[in-house]
Amino acid sequence: MNDRPPVDPAFRTGARLIALLAAVAAGWLAHDVLLLIFLGVLIAVVLSFPVEWLARHMKRGLAVLIVLAVMLAAAGGAVAFGAVKIAQQADTIREEARKGLQSIREKFEQVEGEQKQQAQPPQGAAETAAKGVIGLFSGLTALVLVVVLGLFLVNEPQTYRRGLRLLVPPRYQEAFDSAYDQAATGLRKWVGGIVVSMFIMGALTTAGLAVAGINGWFVLGLLTFFATFVPYIGAIASAIPGLLVAASQDSTHLLYAALVYLGVHIVEGYLVEPLVMKRAVKLQPALLLAWQGFFGAVFGLLGTVVATPVLVCAQILTAHLWVERRLRKQPAQS
């Protein structure tokens, strides 16, 4: 016989509210770590494509080791191939971009009649260099940790899924299974499509800028490759350095660079997007831009990077758990 007095509903509600607020506060304090964990999940999704294929013919652990070896070999080859060009062209891009910005600044100063001294004190330059070195090592450390996390996740994905499932009450486990499968499938489709888009856009930009004679075309192509991961905003951001470099050369090269970027993004909008991303989750541009702006304002640059895949998962889970299961409605088809 249970002699415990009944729990006051108000106390239960208050305890739940306090627990929710504590969880939100903890999540906010650790938001950088949570975003890095999500990046690790994305890397695991990317690696799952070759690992799943190899795992059909061998043990999964061996497949992960082979993929890791190929990654290290490819990274070494890329460093050997591109280190000299990056070292040369990075200085060129920085100098040309500085010249372009300086030219724009001087024109504004001439119009406004302002004369400002642009020299930076040696102490400020040293402090900036030290901060840059610290930031570089911090970024490399975070990158290594994220890649290692992705390797662990792709090695035993079902183990982590079962661990999450144990935390779900029995009456919600069927909903957890269906939501997990749909979110994983949608995220996998989106990641596969965006990786293909990154290679296509990076290759086209690199080739176009090289043919146009733009200084630093190799590094600018790499910028486009990585920036393509962030739809819309990444396209604009990756074009700005190239246009500044071209403007510092002459007006003809500026026109050539503008035509290259315009042509590449026309190809993206009318060929890559319909053919490569057609099977991925459809994201409305206005919603995506608003979501990217929100994540960027709240979480900074890292938030902007992960905003789109987070929206993919949020859209899938909302449609499945709320619209389908709670409201008993059919989600709208794009």
C-alpha atoms as a PDB file:
ATOM      1  CA  MET A   1       0.000   0.000   0.000  1.00  0.00           C
ATOM      2  CA  ASN A   2       1.364   3.405  -1.010  1.00  0.00           C
ATOM      3  CA  ASP A   3       1.179   5.848   1.926  1.00  0.00           C
ATOM      4  CA  ARG A   4       2.851   8.746   0.140  1.00  0.00           C
ATOM      5  CA  PRO A   5       0.693  11.852  -0.065  1.00  0.00           C
ATOM      6  CA  PRO A   6      -0.339  12.932  -3.556  1.00  0.00           C
ATOM      7  CA  VAL A   7       1.904  15.456  -5.222  1.00  0.00           C
ATOM      8  CA  ASP A   8       0.420  18.885  -5.599  1.00  0.00           C
ATOM      9  CA  PRO A   9      -0.185  19.563  -9.345  1.00  0.00           C
ATOM     10  CA  ALA A  10       1.051  23.114  -8.890  1.00  0.00           C
ATOM     11  CA  PHE A  11       4.303  21.799  -7.406  1.00  0.00           C
ATOM     12  CA  ARG A  12       4.703  19.333 -10.283  1.00  0.00           C
ATOM     13  CA  THR A  13       4.105  22.087 -12.856  1.00  0.00           C
ATOM     14  CA  GLY A  14       6.555  24.415 -11.109  1.00  0.00           C
ATOM     15  CA  ALA A  15       9.219  21.711 -10.938  1.00  0.00           C
ATOM     16  CA  ARG A  16       8.825  21.005 -14.648  1.00  0.00           C
ATOM     17  CA  LEU A  17       9.044  24.709 -15.462  1.00  0.00           C
ATOM     18  CA  ILE A  18      12.208  25.090 -13.383  1.00  0.00           C
ATOM     19  CA  ALA A  19      13.737  22.033 -15.046  1.00  0.00           C
ATOM     20  CA  LEU A  20      12.871  23.432 -18.484  1.00  0.00           C
ATOM     21  CA  LEU A  21      14.395  26.826 -17.665  1.00  0.00           C
ATOM     22  CA  ALA A  22      17.522  25.128 -16.312  1.00  0.00           C
ATOM     23  CA  ALA A  23      17.842  23.062 -19.486  1.00  0.00           C
ATOM     24  CA  VAL A  24      17.427  26.164 -21.665  1.00  0.00           C
ATOM     25  CA  ALA A  25      20.018  28.067 -19.614  1.00  0.00           C
ATOM     26  CA  ALA A  26      22.481  25.159 -19.798  1.00  0.00           C
ATOM     27  CA  GLY A  27      21.914  24.870 -23.538  1.00  0.00           C
ATOM     28  CA  TRP A  28      22.544  28.568 -24.001  1.00  0.00           C
ATOM     29  CA  LEU A  29      25.761  28.488 -21.980  1.00  0.00           C
ATOM     30  CA  ALA A  30      26.975  25.496 -24.006  1.00  0.00           C
ATOM     31  CA  HIS A  31      25.572  26.574 -27.382  1.00  0.00           C
ATOM     32  CA  ASP A  32      29.018  26.623 -29.034  1.00  0.00           C
ATOM     33  CA  VAL A  33      29.598  23.028 -27.972  1.00  0.00           C
ATOM     34  CA  LEU A  34      26.133  21.994 -29.168  1.00  0.00           C
ATOM     35  CA  LEU A  35      26.745  23.594 -32.574  1.00  0.00           C
ATOM     36  CA  LEU A  36      30.087  21.780 -32.874  1.00  0.00           C
ATOM     37  CA  ILE A  37      28.358  18.510 -31.972  1.00  0.00           C
ATOM     38  CA  PHE A  38      25.839  19.140 -34.739  1.00  0.00           C
ATOM     39  CA  LEU A  39      28.732  19.748 -37.141  1.00  0.00           C
ATOM     40  CA  GLY A  40      30.123  16.392 -36.048  1.00  0.00           C
ATOM     41  CA  VAL A  41      26.780  14.817 -36.912  1.00  0.00           C
ATOM     42  CA  LEU A  42      26.946  16.424 -40.378  1.00  0.00           C
ATOM     43  CA  ILE A  43      30.451  15.057 -40.915  1.00  0.00           C
ATOM     44  CA  ALA A  44      29.201  11.625 -39.865  1.00  0.00           C
ATOM     45  CA  VAL A  45      26.420  11.920 -42.451  1.00  0.00           C
ATOM     46  CA  VAL A  46      28.951  12.835 -45.150  1.00  0.00           C
ATOM     47  CA  LEU A  47      31.211   9.922 -44.205  1.00  0.00           C
ATOM     48  CA  SER A  48      28.251   7.540 -44.085  1.00  0.00           C
ATOM     49  CA  PHE A  49      28.073   7.467 -47.896  1.00  0.00           C
ATOM     50  CA  PRO A  50      31.441   5.734 -48.480  1.00  0.00           C
ATOM     51  CA  VAL A  51      31.300   3.829 -45.172  1.00  0.00           C
ATOM     52  CA  GLU A  52      27.883   2.317 -45.926  1.00  0.00           C
ATOM     53  CA  TRP A  53      29.082   1.208 -49.364  1.00  0.00           C
ATOM     54  CA  LEU A  54      32.275  -0.369 -48.025  1.00  0.00           C
ATOM     55  CA  ALA A  55      30.449  -1.964 -45.092  1.00  0.00           C
ATOM     56  CA  ARG A  56      28.545  -4.165 -47.553  1.00  0.00           C
ATOM     57  CA  HIS A  57      31.801  -5.958 -48.343  1.00  0.00           C
ATOM     58  CA  MET A  58      33.690  -5.848 -45.025  1.00  0.00           C
ATOM     59  CA  LYS A  59      33.345  -5.083 -41.332  1.00  0.00           C
ATOM     60  CA  ARG A  60      32.186  -1.578 -40.539  1.00  0.00           C
ATOM     61  CA  GLY A  61      35.214  -0.758 -38.396  1.00  0.00           C
ATOM     62  CA  LEU A  62      37.551  -1.647 -41.254  1.00  0.00           C
ATOM     63  CA  ALA A  63      35.447   0.456 -43.631  1.00  0.00           C
ATOM     64  CA  VAL A  64      35.814   3.451 -41.310  1.00  0.00           C
ATOM     65  CA  LEU A  65      39.584   2.944 -41.146  1.00  0.00           C
ATOM     66  CA  ILE A  66      39.805   2.805 -44.946  1.00  0.00           C
ATOM     67  CA  VAL A  67      37.766   5.997 -45.289  1.00  0.00           C
ATOM     68  CA  LEU A  68      39.985   7.666 -42.682  1.00  0.00           C
ATOM     69  CA  ALA A  69      43.126   6.576 -44.556  1.00  0.00           C
ATOM     70  CA  VAL A  70      41.722   7.913 -47.831  1.00  0.00           C
ATOM     71  CA  MET A  71      40.824  11.203 -46.107  1.00  0.00           C
ATOM     72  CA  LEU A  72      44.348  11.580 -44.730  1.00  0.00           C
ATOM     73  CA  ALA A  73      45.893  10.734 -48.094  1.00  0.00           C
ATOM     74  CA  ALA A  74      43.592  13.151 -49.895  1.00  0.00           C
ATOM     75  CA  ALA A  75      44.307  15.873 -47.347  1.00  0.00           C
ATOM     76  CA  GLY A  76      48.043  15.298 -47.751  1.00  0.00           C
ATOM     77  CA  GLY A  77      47.744  15.419 -51.524  1.00  0.00           C
ATOM     78  CA  ALA A  78      45.642  18.560 -51.385  1.00  0.00           C
ATOM     79  CA  VAL A  79      48.171  20.219 -49.099  1.00  0.00           C
ATOM     80  CA  ALA A  80      51.051  19.189 -51.367  1.00  0.00           C
ATOM     81  CA  PHE A  81      49.192  20.406 -54.466  1.00  0.00           C
ATOM     82  CA  GLY A  82      47.693  23.575 -53.116  1.00  0.00           C
ATOM     83  CA  ALA A  83      50.043  24.764 -50.375  1.00  0.00           C
ATOM     84  CA  VAL A  84      52.304  26.708 -52.718  1.00  0.00           C
ATOM     85  CA  LYS A  85      49.397  28.259 -54.611  1.00  0.00           C
ATOM     86  CA  ILE A  86      47.555  29.104 -51.425  1.00  0.00           C
ATOM     87  CA  ALA A  87      50.690  30.624 -49.914  1.00  0.00           C
ATOM     88  CA  GLN A  88      51.254  32.710 -53.033  1.00  0.00           C
ATOM     89  CA  GLN A  89      47.665  33.575 -53.853  1.00  0.00           C
ATOM     90  CA  ALA A  90      46.526  34.216 -50.288  1.00  0.00           C
ATOM     91  CA  ASP A  91      49.015  37.071 -50.051  1.00  0.00           C
ATOM     92  CA  THR A  92      47.906  38.284 -53.461  1.00  0.00           C
ATOM     93  CA  ILE A  93      44.224  38.183 -52.515  1.00  0.00           C
ATOM     94  CA  ARG A  94      44.853  39.934 -49.219  1.00  0.00           C
ATOM     95  CA  GLU A  95      46.914  42.655 -50.889  1.00  0.00           C
ATOM     96  CA  GLU A  96      44.531  43.111 -53.809  1.00  0.00           C
ATOM     97  CA  ALA A  97      41.488  43.155 -51.534  1.00  0.00           C
ATOM     98  CA  ARG A  98      43.251  45.693 -49.316  1.00  0.00           C
ATOM     99  CA  LYS A  99      43.929  47.852 -52.348  1.00  0.00           C
ATOM    100  CA  GLY A 100      40.326  47.591 -53.465  1.00  0.00           C
ATOM    101  CA  LEU A 101      39.004  48.545 -50.031  1.00  0.00           C
ATOM    102  CA  GLN A 102      41.562  51.323 -49.777  1.00  0.00           C
ATOM    103  CA  SER A 103      40.444  52.713 -53.118  1.00  0.00           C
ATOM    104  CA  ILE A 104      36.798  52.664 -52.068  1.00  0.00           C
ATOM    105  CA  ARG A 105      37.659  54.268 -48.736  1.00  0.00           C
ATOM    106  CA  GLU A 106      39.686  57.035 -50.396  1.00  0.00           C
ATOM    107  CA  LYS A 107      36.807  57.840 -52.725  1.00  0.00           C
ATOM    108  CA  PHE A 108      34.426  58.202 -49.797  1.00  0.00           C
ATOM    109  CA  GLU A 109      36.939  60.337 -47.944  1.00  0.00           C
ATOM    110  CA  GLN A 110      37.402  62.538 -50.988  1.00  0.00           C
ATOM    111  CA  VAL A 111      33.665  63.083 -51.319  1.00  0.00           C
ATOM    112  CA  GLU A 112      33.236  63.849 -47.621  1.00  0.00           C
ATOM    113  CA  GLY A 113      36.424  65.893 -47.419  1.00  0.00           C
ATOM    114  CA  GLU A 114      37.852  63.703 -44.693  1.00  0.00           C
ATOM    115  CA  GLN A 115      41.501  62.876 -44.252  1.00  0.00           C
ATOM    116  CA  LYS A 116      42.174  59.983 -41.952  1.00  0.00           C
ATOM    117  CA  GLN A 117      45.457  58.411 -41.108  1.00  0.00           C
ATOM    118  CA  GLN A 118      45.337  54.674 -41.775  1.00  0.00           C
ATOM    119  CA  ALA A 119      48.627  53.670 -40.096  1.00  0.00           C
ATOM    120  CA  GLN A 120      48.314  51.034 -37.363  1.00  0.00           C
ATOM    121  CA  PRO A 121      50.608  51.181 -34.301  1.00  0.00           C
ATOM    122  CA  PRO A 122      53.139  48.357 -34.060  1.00  0.00           C
ATOM    123  CA  GLN A 123      51.702  47.293 -30.706  1.00  0.00           C
ATOM    124  CA  GLY A 124      48.206  46.983 -32.222  1.00  0.00           C
ATOM    125  CA  ALA A 125      49.540  44.943 -35.130  1.00  0.00           C
ATOM    126  CA  ALA A 126      51.371  42.562 -32.788  1.00  0.00           C
ATOM    127  CA  GLU A 127      48.275  42.138 -30.656  1.00  0.00           C
ATOM    128  CA  THR A 128      46.169  41.458 -33.729  1.00  0.00           C
ATOM    129  CA  ALA A 129      48.706  38.888 -34.983  1.00  0.00           C
ATOM    130  CA  ALA A 130      48.710  37.111 -31.598  1.00  0.00           C
ATOM    131  CA  LYS A 131      44.931  36.957 -31.557  1.00  0.00           C
ATOM    132  CA  GLY A 132      44.975  35.611 -35.097  1.00  0.00           C
ATOM    133  CA  VAL A 133      47.403  32.817 -34.157  1.00  0.00           C
ATOM    134  CA  ILE A 134      45.317  31.879 -31.106  1.00  0.00           C
ATOM    135  CA  GLY A 135      42.159  31.892 -33.199  1.00  0.00           C
ATOM    136  CA  LEU A 136      43.835  29.708 -35.839  1.00  0.00           C
ATOM    137  CA  PHE A 137      44.908  27.070 -33.308  1.00  0.00           C
ATOM    138  CA  SER A 138      41.477  27.143 -31.653  1.00  0.00           C
ATOM    139  CA  GLY A 139      39.810  26.627 -35.013  1.00  0.00           C
ATOM    140  CA  LEU A 140      42.123  23.752 -35.931  1.00  0.00           C
ATOM    141  CA  THR A 141      41.519  22.109 -32.550  1.00  0.00           C
ATOM    142  CA  ALA A 142      37.756  22.408 -32.984  1.00  0.00           C
ATOM    143  CA  LEU A 143      38.043  20.988 -36.507  1.00  0.00           C
ATOM    144  CA  VAL A 144      39.999  17.946 -35.308  1.00  0.00           C
ATOM    145  CA  LEU A 145      37.517  17.306 -32.502  1.00  0.00           C
ATOM    146  CA  VAL A 146      34.549  17.592 -34.861  1.00  0.00           C
ATOM    147  CA  VAL A 147      36.106  15.174 -37.367  1.00  0.00           C
ATOM    148  CA  VAL A 148      36.930  12.671 -34.618  1.00  0.00           C
ATOM    149  CA  LEU A 149      33.364  12.955 -33.323  1.00  0.00           C
ATOM    150  CA  GLY A 150      32.050  12.309 -36.820  1.00  0.00           C
ATOM    151  CA  LEU A 151      34.224   9.185 -37.121  1.00  0.00           C
ATOM    152  CA  PHE A 152      32.950   7.810 -33.811  1.00  0.00           C
ATOM    153  CA  LEU A 153      29.339   8.481 -34.810  1.00  0.00           C
ATOM    154  CA  VAL A 154      29.640   6.865 -38.226  1.00  0.00           C
ATOM    155  CA  ASN A 155      31.413   3.837 -36.740  1.00  0.00           C
ATOM    156  CA  GLU A 156      28.533   2.831 -34.421  1.00  0.00           C
ATOM    157  CA  PRO A 157      25.448   4.886 -35.326  1.00  0.00           C
ATOM    158  CA  GLN A 158      22.954   2.360 -33.978  1.00  0.00           C
ATOM    159  CA  THR A 159      24.625   2.354 -30.568  1.00  0.00           C
ATOM    160  CA  TYR A 160      24.001   6.062 -30.149  1.00  0.00           C
ATOM    161  CA  ARG A 161      20.477   5.720 -31.517  1.00  0.00           C
ATOM    162  CA  ARG A 162      19.665   3.009 -28.960  1.00  0.00           C
ATOM    163  CA  GLY A 163      21.132   5.189 -26.233  1.00  0.00           C
ATOM    164  CA  LEU A 164      18.833   8.064 -27.162  1.00  0.00           C
ATOM    165  CA  ARG A 165      15.872   5.708 -27.418  1.00  0.00           C
ATOM    166  CA  LEU A 166      16.404   4.520 -23.843  1.00  0.00           C
ATOM    167  CA  LEU A 167      15.709   8.066 -22.656  1.00  0.00           C
ATOM    168  CA  VAL A 168      12.289   8.118 -24.331  1.00  0.00           C
ATOM    169  CA  PRO A 169       9.215   6.874 -22.401  1.00  0.00           C
ATOM    170  CA  PRO A 170       7.788   3.625 -23.880  1.00  0.00           C
ATOM    171  CA  ARG A 171       4.599   5.278 -25.134  1.00  0.00           C
ATOM    172  CA  TYR A 172       6.640   7.682 -27.283  1.00  0.00           C
ATOM    173  CA  GLN A 173       9.194   5.230 -28.659  1.00  0.00           C
ATOM    174  CA  GLU A 174       7.268   4.501 -31.852  1.00  0.00           C
ATOM    175  CA  ALA A 175       7.063   8.241 -32.552  1.00  0.00           C
ATOM    176  CA  PHE A 176      10.776   8.547 -31.782  1.00  0.00           C
ATOM    177  CA  ASP A 177      11.634   5.779 -34.256  1.00  0.00           C
ATOM    178  CA  SER A 178       9.605   7.262 -37.107  1.00  0.00           C
ATOM    179  CA  ALA A 179      10.815  10.818 -36.427  1.00  0.00           C
ATOM    180  CA  TYR A 180      14.444   9.683 -36.187  1.00  0.00           C
ATOM    181  CA  ASP A 181      14.216   7.798 -39.478  1.00  0.00           C
ATOM    182  CA  GLN A 182      12.580  10.687 -41.325  1.00  0.00           C
ATOM    183  CA  ALA A 183      15.002  13.294 -39.963  1.00  0.00           C
ATOM    184  CA  ALA A 184      18.030  11.100 -40.719  1.00  0.00           C
ATOM    185  CA  THR A 185      16.824  10.394 -44.262  1.00  0.00           C
ATOM    186  CA  GLY A 186      16.055  14.047 -44.970  1.00  0.00           C
ATOM    187  CA  LEU A 187      19.371  15.247 -43.555  1.00  0.00           C
ATOM    188  CA  ARG A 188      21.252  12.599 -45.523  1.00  0.00           C
ATOM    189  CA  LYS A 189      19.561  13.681 -48.769  1.00  0.00           C
ATOM    190  CA  TRP A 190      20.291  17.340 -48.101  1.00  0.00           C
ATOM    191  CA  VAL A 191      23.941  16.726 -47.190  1.00  0.00           C
ATOM    192  CA  GLY A 192      24.472  14.545 -50.264  1.00  0.00           C
ATOM    193  CA  GLY A 193      22.986  17.194 -52.526  1.00  0.00           C
ATOM    194  CA  ILE A 194      24.883  20.100 -50.989  1.00  0.00           C
ATOM    195  CA  VAL A 195      28.241  18.291 -51.172  1.00  0.00           C
ATOM    196  CA  VAL A 196      27.734  17.672 -54.900  1.00  0.00           C
ATOM    197  CA  SER A 197      26.741  21.332 -55.320  1.00  0.00           C
ATOM    198  CA  MET A 198      29.877  22.449 -53.475  1.00  0.00           C
ATOM    199  CA  PHE A 199      32.145  20.518 -55.835  1.00  0.00           C
ATOM    200  CA  ILE A 200      30.335  21.766 -58.947  1.00  0.00           C
ATOM    201  CA  MET A 201      30.272  25.418 -57.846  1.00  0.00           C
ATOM    202  CA  GLY A 202      33.864  25.375 -56.628  1.00  0.00           C
ATOM    203  CA  ALA A 203      35.152  23.790 -59.843  1.00  0.00           C
ATOM    204  CA  LEU A 204      33.207  26.157 -62.109  1.00  0.00           C
ATOM    205  CA  THR A 205      34.318  29.246 -60.179  1.00  0.00           C
ATOM    206  CA  THR A 206      37.969  28.149 -60.131  1.00  0.00           C
ATOM    207  CA  ALA A 207      38.002  27.424 -63.860  1.00  0.00           C
ATOM    208  CA  GLY A 208      36.127  30.602 -64.761  1.00  0.00           C
ATOM    209  CA  LEU A 209      38.347  32.907 -62.706  1.00  0.00           C
ATOM    210  CA  ALA A 210      41.500  31.217 -64.038  1.00  0.00           C
ATOM    211  CA  VAL A 211      40.370  31.707 -67.639  1.00  0.00           C
ATOM    212  CA  ALA A 212      39.430  35.324 -66.861  1.00  0.00           C
ATOM    213  CA  GLY A 213      42.922  35.960 -65.482  1.00  0.00           C
ATOM    214  CA  ILE A 214      41.836  36.914 -61.971  1.00  0.00           C
ATOM    215  CA  ASN A 215      44.663  36.883 -59.430  1.00  0.00           C
ATOM    216  CA  GLY A 216      44.260  34.298 -56.675  1.00  0.00           C
ATOM    217  CA  TRP A 217      41.763  32.195 -58.646  1.00  0.00           C
ATOM    218  CA  PHE A 218      42.673  29.013 -56.757  1.00  0.00           C
ATOM    219  CA  VAL A 219      41.965  30.421 -53.292  1.00  0.00           C
ATOM    220  CA  LEU A 220      38.848  32.220 -54.557  1.00  0.00           C
ATOM    221  CA  GLY A 221      37.562  28.914 -55.943  1.00  0.00           C
ATOM    222  CA  LEU A 222      38.133  27.279 -52.551  1.00  0.00           C
ATOM    223  CA  LEU A 223      36.177  30.089 -50.894  1.00  0.00           C
ATOM    224  CA  THR A 224      33.256  29.433 -53.237  1.00  0.00           C
ATOM    225  CA  PHE A 225      33.475  25.691 -52.548  1.00  0.00           C
ATOM    226  CA  PHE A 226      33.128  26.149 -48.785  1.00  0.00           C
ATOM    227  CA  ALA A 227      30.682  29.061 -48.991  1.00  0.00           C
ATOM    228  CA  THR A 228      28.244  27.017 -51.103  1.00  0.00           C
ATOM    229  CA  PHE A 229      27.443  25.062 -47.927  1.00  0.00           C
ATOM    230  CA  VAL A 230      25.479  28.144 -46.793  1.00  0.00           C
ATOM    231  CA  PRO A 231      22.774  28.805 -49.417  1.00  0.00           C
ATOM    232  CA  TYR A 232      22.221  32.362 -50.697  1.00  0.00           C
ATOM    233  CA  ILE A 233      24.374  34.119 -48.091  1.00  0.00           C
ATOM    234  CA  GLY A 234      27.399  32.001 -48.964  1.00  0.00           C
ATOM    235  CA  ALA A 235      27.049  32.818 -52.668  1.00  0.00           C
ATOM    236  CA  ILE A 236      27.112  36.554 -51.974  1.00  0.00           C
ATOM    237  CA  ALA A 237      29.914  36.332 -49.422  1.00  0.00           C
ATOM    238  CA  SER A 238      32.146  34.250 -51.712  1.00  0.00           C
ATOM    239  CA  ALA A 239      31.761  36.710 -54.608  1.00  0.00           C
ATOM    240  CA  ILE A 240      32.855  39.804 -52.654  1.00  0.00           C
ATOM    241  CA  PRO A 241      36.595  38.908 -52.317  1.00  0.00           C
ATOM    242  CA  GLY A 242      36.776  37.931 -55.996  1.00  0.00           C
ATOM    243  CA  LEU A 243      35.189  41.199 -57.117  1.00  0.00           C
ATOM    244  CA  LEU A 244      37.513  43.218 -54.877  1.00  0.00           C
ATOM    245  CA  VAL A 245      40.569  41.438 -56.275  1.00  0.00           C
ATOM    246  CA  ALA A 246      39.354  41.959 -59.850  1.00  0.00           C
ATOM    247  CA  ALA A 247      38.587  45.638 -59.156  1.00  0.00           C
ATOM    248  CA  SER A 248      42.154  46.153 -57.944  1.00  0.00           C
ATOM    249  CA  GLN A 249      43.429  44.847 -61.295  1.00  0.00           C
ATOM    250  CA  ASP A 250      41.308  46.942 -63.660  1.00  0.00           C
ATOM    251  CA  SER A 251      37.722  47.514 -64.740  1.00  0.00           C
ATOM    252  CA  THR A 252      37.947  44.877 -67.458  1.00  0.00           C
ATOM    253  CA  HIS A 253      38.862  42.145 -64.997  1.00  0.00           C
ATOM    254  CA  LEU A 254      36.100  43.368 -62.686  1.00  0.00           C
ATOM    255  CA  LEU A 255      33.626  42.854 -65.532  1.00  0.00           C
ATOM    256  CA  TYR A 256      35.057  39.394 -66.242  1.00  0.00           C
ATOM    257  CA  ALA A 257      34.822  38.379 -62.579  1.00  0.00           C
ATOM    258  CA  ALA A 258      31.257  39.655 -62.311  1.00  0.00           C
ATOM    259  CA  LEU A 259      30.301  37.638 -65.391  1.00  0.00           C
ATOM    260  CA  VAL A 260      31.966  34.519 -63.962  1.00  0.00           C
ATOM    261  CA  TYR A 261      30.126  34.750 -60.636  1.00  0.00           C
ATOM    262  CA  LEU A 262      26.850  35.619 -62.362  1.00  0.00           C
ATOM    263  CA  GLY A 263      27.209  32.679 -64.755  1.00  0.00           C
ATOM    264  CA  VAL A 264      28.151  30.252 -61.988  1.00  0.00           C
ATOM    265  CA  HIS A 265      25.156  31.195 -59.878  1.00  0.00           C
ATOM    266  CA  ILE A 266      22.827  31.037 -62.875  1.00  0.00           C
ATOM    267  CA  VAL A 267      24.072  27.473 -63.371  1.00  0.00           C
ATOM    268  CA  GLU A 268      23.422  26.830 -59.687  1.00  0.00           C
ATOM    269  CA  GLY A 269      19.888  28.210 -59.809  1.00  0.00           C
ATOM    270  CA  TYR A 270      18.750  26.664 -63.073  1.00  0.00           C
ATOM    271  CA  LEU A 271      20.776  23.441 -63.309  1.00  0.00           C
ATOM    272  CA  VAL A 272      22.396  22.346 -60.033  1.00  0.00           C
ATOM    273  CA  GLU A 273      19.455  23.255 -57.780  1.00  0.00           C
ATOM    274  CA  PRO A 274      16.724  21.522 -59.841  1.00  0.00           C
ATOM    275  CA  LEU A 275      18.773  18.415 -60.705  1.00  0.00           C
ATOM    276  CA  VAL A 276      20.948  17.823 -57.636  1.00  0.00           C
ATOM    277  CA  MET A 277      18.723  19.104 -54.826  1.00  0.00           C
ATOM    278  CA  LYS A 278      15.349  18.037 -56.217  1.00  0.00           C
ATOM    279  CA  ARG A 279      15.141  14.989 -53.919  1.00  0.00           C
ATOM    280  CA  ALA A 280      16.230  16.879 -50.821  1.00  0.00           C
ATOM    281  CA  VAL A 281      13.965  18.720 -48.406  1.00  0.00           C
ATOM    282  CA  LYS A 282      12.408  21.759 -50.090  1.00  0.00           C
ATOM    283  CA  LEU A 283      13.183  24.959 -48.184  1.00  0.00           C
ATOM    284  CA  GLN A 284      11.358  28.174 -49.022  1.00  0.00           C
ATOM    285  CA  PRO A 285      13.874  31.004 -49.696  1.00  0.00           C
ATOM    286  CA  ALA A 286      12.159  33.580 -47.441  1.00  0.00           C
ATOM    287  CA  LEU A 287      11.997  31.141 -44.520  1.00  0.00           C
ATOM    288  CA  LEU A 288      15.602  30.070 -45.071  1.00  0.00           C
ATOM    289  CA  LEU A 289      16.937  33.635 -45.183  1.00  0.00           C
ATOM    290  CA  ALA A 290      14.995  34.627 -42.059  1.00  0.00           C
ATOM    291  CA  TRP A 291      16.244  31.506 -40.255  1.00  0.00           C
ATOM    292  CA  GLN A 292      19.855  32.168 -41.314  1.00  0.00           C
ATOM    293  CA  GLY A 293      19.579  35.759 -40.118  1.00  0.00           C
ATOM    294  CA  PHE A 294      18.185  34.632 -36.762  1.00  0.00           C
ATOM    295  CA  PHE A 295      20.857  31.984 -36.216  1.00  0.00           C
ATOM    296  CA  GLY A 296      23.598  34.365 -37.311  1.00  0.00           C
ATOM    297  CA  ALA A 297      22.395  37.083 -34.934  1.00  0.00           C
ATOM    298  CA  VAL A 298      22.085  34.694 -31.981  1.00  0.00           C
ATOM    299  CA  PHE A 299      24.997  32.286 -32.514  1.00  0.00           C
ATOM    300  CA  GLY A 300      27.378  34.181 -34.809  1.00  0.00           C
ATOM    301  CA  LEU A 301      29.241  32.748 -37.798  1.00  0.00           C
ATOM    302  CA  LEU A 302      28.981  29.140 -36.617  1.00  0.00           C
ATOM    303  CA  GLY A 303      25.223  29.569 -36.293  1.00  0.00           C
ATOM    304  CA  THR A 304      24.998  30.771 -39.888  1.00  0.00           C
ATOM    305  CA  VAL A 305      26.930  27.689 -41.051  1.00  0.00           C
ATOM    306  CA  VAL A 306      24.637  25.171 -39.342  1.00  0.00           C
ATOM    307  CA  ALA A 307      21.399  27.137 -39.813  1.00  0.00           C
ATOM    308  CA  THR A 308      20.276  25.352 -42.989  1.00  0.00           C
ATOM    309  CA  PRO A 309      20.714  21.719 -41.842  1.00  0.00           C
ATOM    310  CA  VAL A 310      19.093  22.624 -38.506  1.00  0.00           C
ATOM    311  CA  LEU A 311      16.137  24.043 -40.448  1.00  0.00           C
ATOM    312  CA  VAL A 312      15.975  20.842 -42.507  1.00  0.00           C
ATOM    313  CA  CYS A 313      15.627  18.761 -39.333  1.00  0.00           C
ATOM    314  CA  ALA A 314      13.218  21.233 -37.716  1.00  0.00           C
ATOM    315  CA  GLN A 315      10.964  21.270 -40.777  1.00  0.00           C
ATOM    316  CA  ILE A 316      10.861  17.471 -41.007  1.00  0.00           C
ATOM    317  CA  LEU A 317      10.183  17.000 -37.299  1.00  0.00           C
ATOM    318  CA  THR A 318       7.505  19.705 -37.231  1.00  0.00           C
ATOM    319  CA  ALA A 319       5.715  18.209 -40.220  1.00  0.00           C
ATOM    320  CA  HIS A 320       5.856  14.673 -38.832  1.00  0.00           C
ATOM    321  CA  LEU A 321       5.350  15.121 -35.090  1.00  0.00           C
ATOM    322  CA  TRP A 322       3.027  18.121 -35.016  1.00  0.00           C
ATOM    323  CA  VAL A 323       1.186  18.292 -38.352  1.00  0.00           C
ATOM    324  CA  GLU A 324       0.822  14.564 -39.053  1.00  0.00           C
ATOM    325  CA  ARG A 325       0.617  12.993 -35.616  1.00  0.00           C
ATOM    326  CA  ARG A 326      -0.816  15.784 -33.471  1.00  0.00           C
ATOM    327  CA  LEU A 327      -3.087  17.682 -35.858  1.00  0.00           C
ATOM    328  CA  ARG A 328      -3.850  14.646 -38.045  1.00  0.00           C
ATOM    329  CA  LYS A 329      -3.272  16.689 -41.207  1.00  0.00           C
ATOM    330  CA  GLN A 330      -1.320  16.011 -44.357  1.00  0.00           C
ATOM    331  CA  PRO A 331       1.751  18.253 -44.638  1.00  0.00           C
ATOM    332  CA  ALA A 332       1.692  20.689 -47.564  1.00  0.00           C
ATOM    333  CA  GLN A 333       3.647  19.460 -50.551  1.00  0.00           C
ATOM    334  CA  SER A 334       6.114  21.856 -52.148  1.00  0.00           C
END
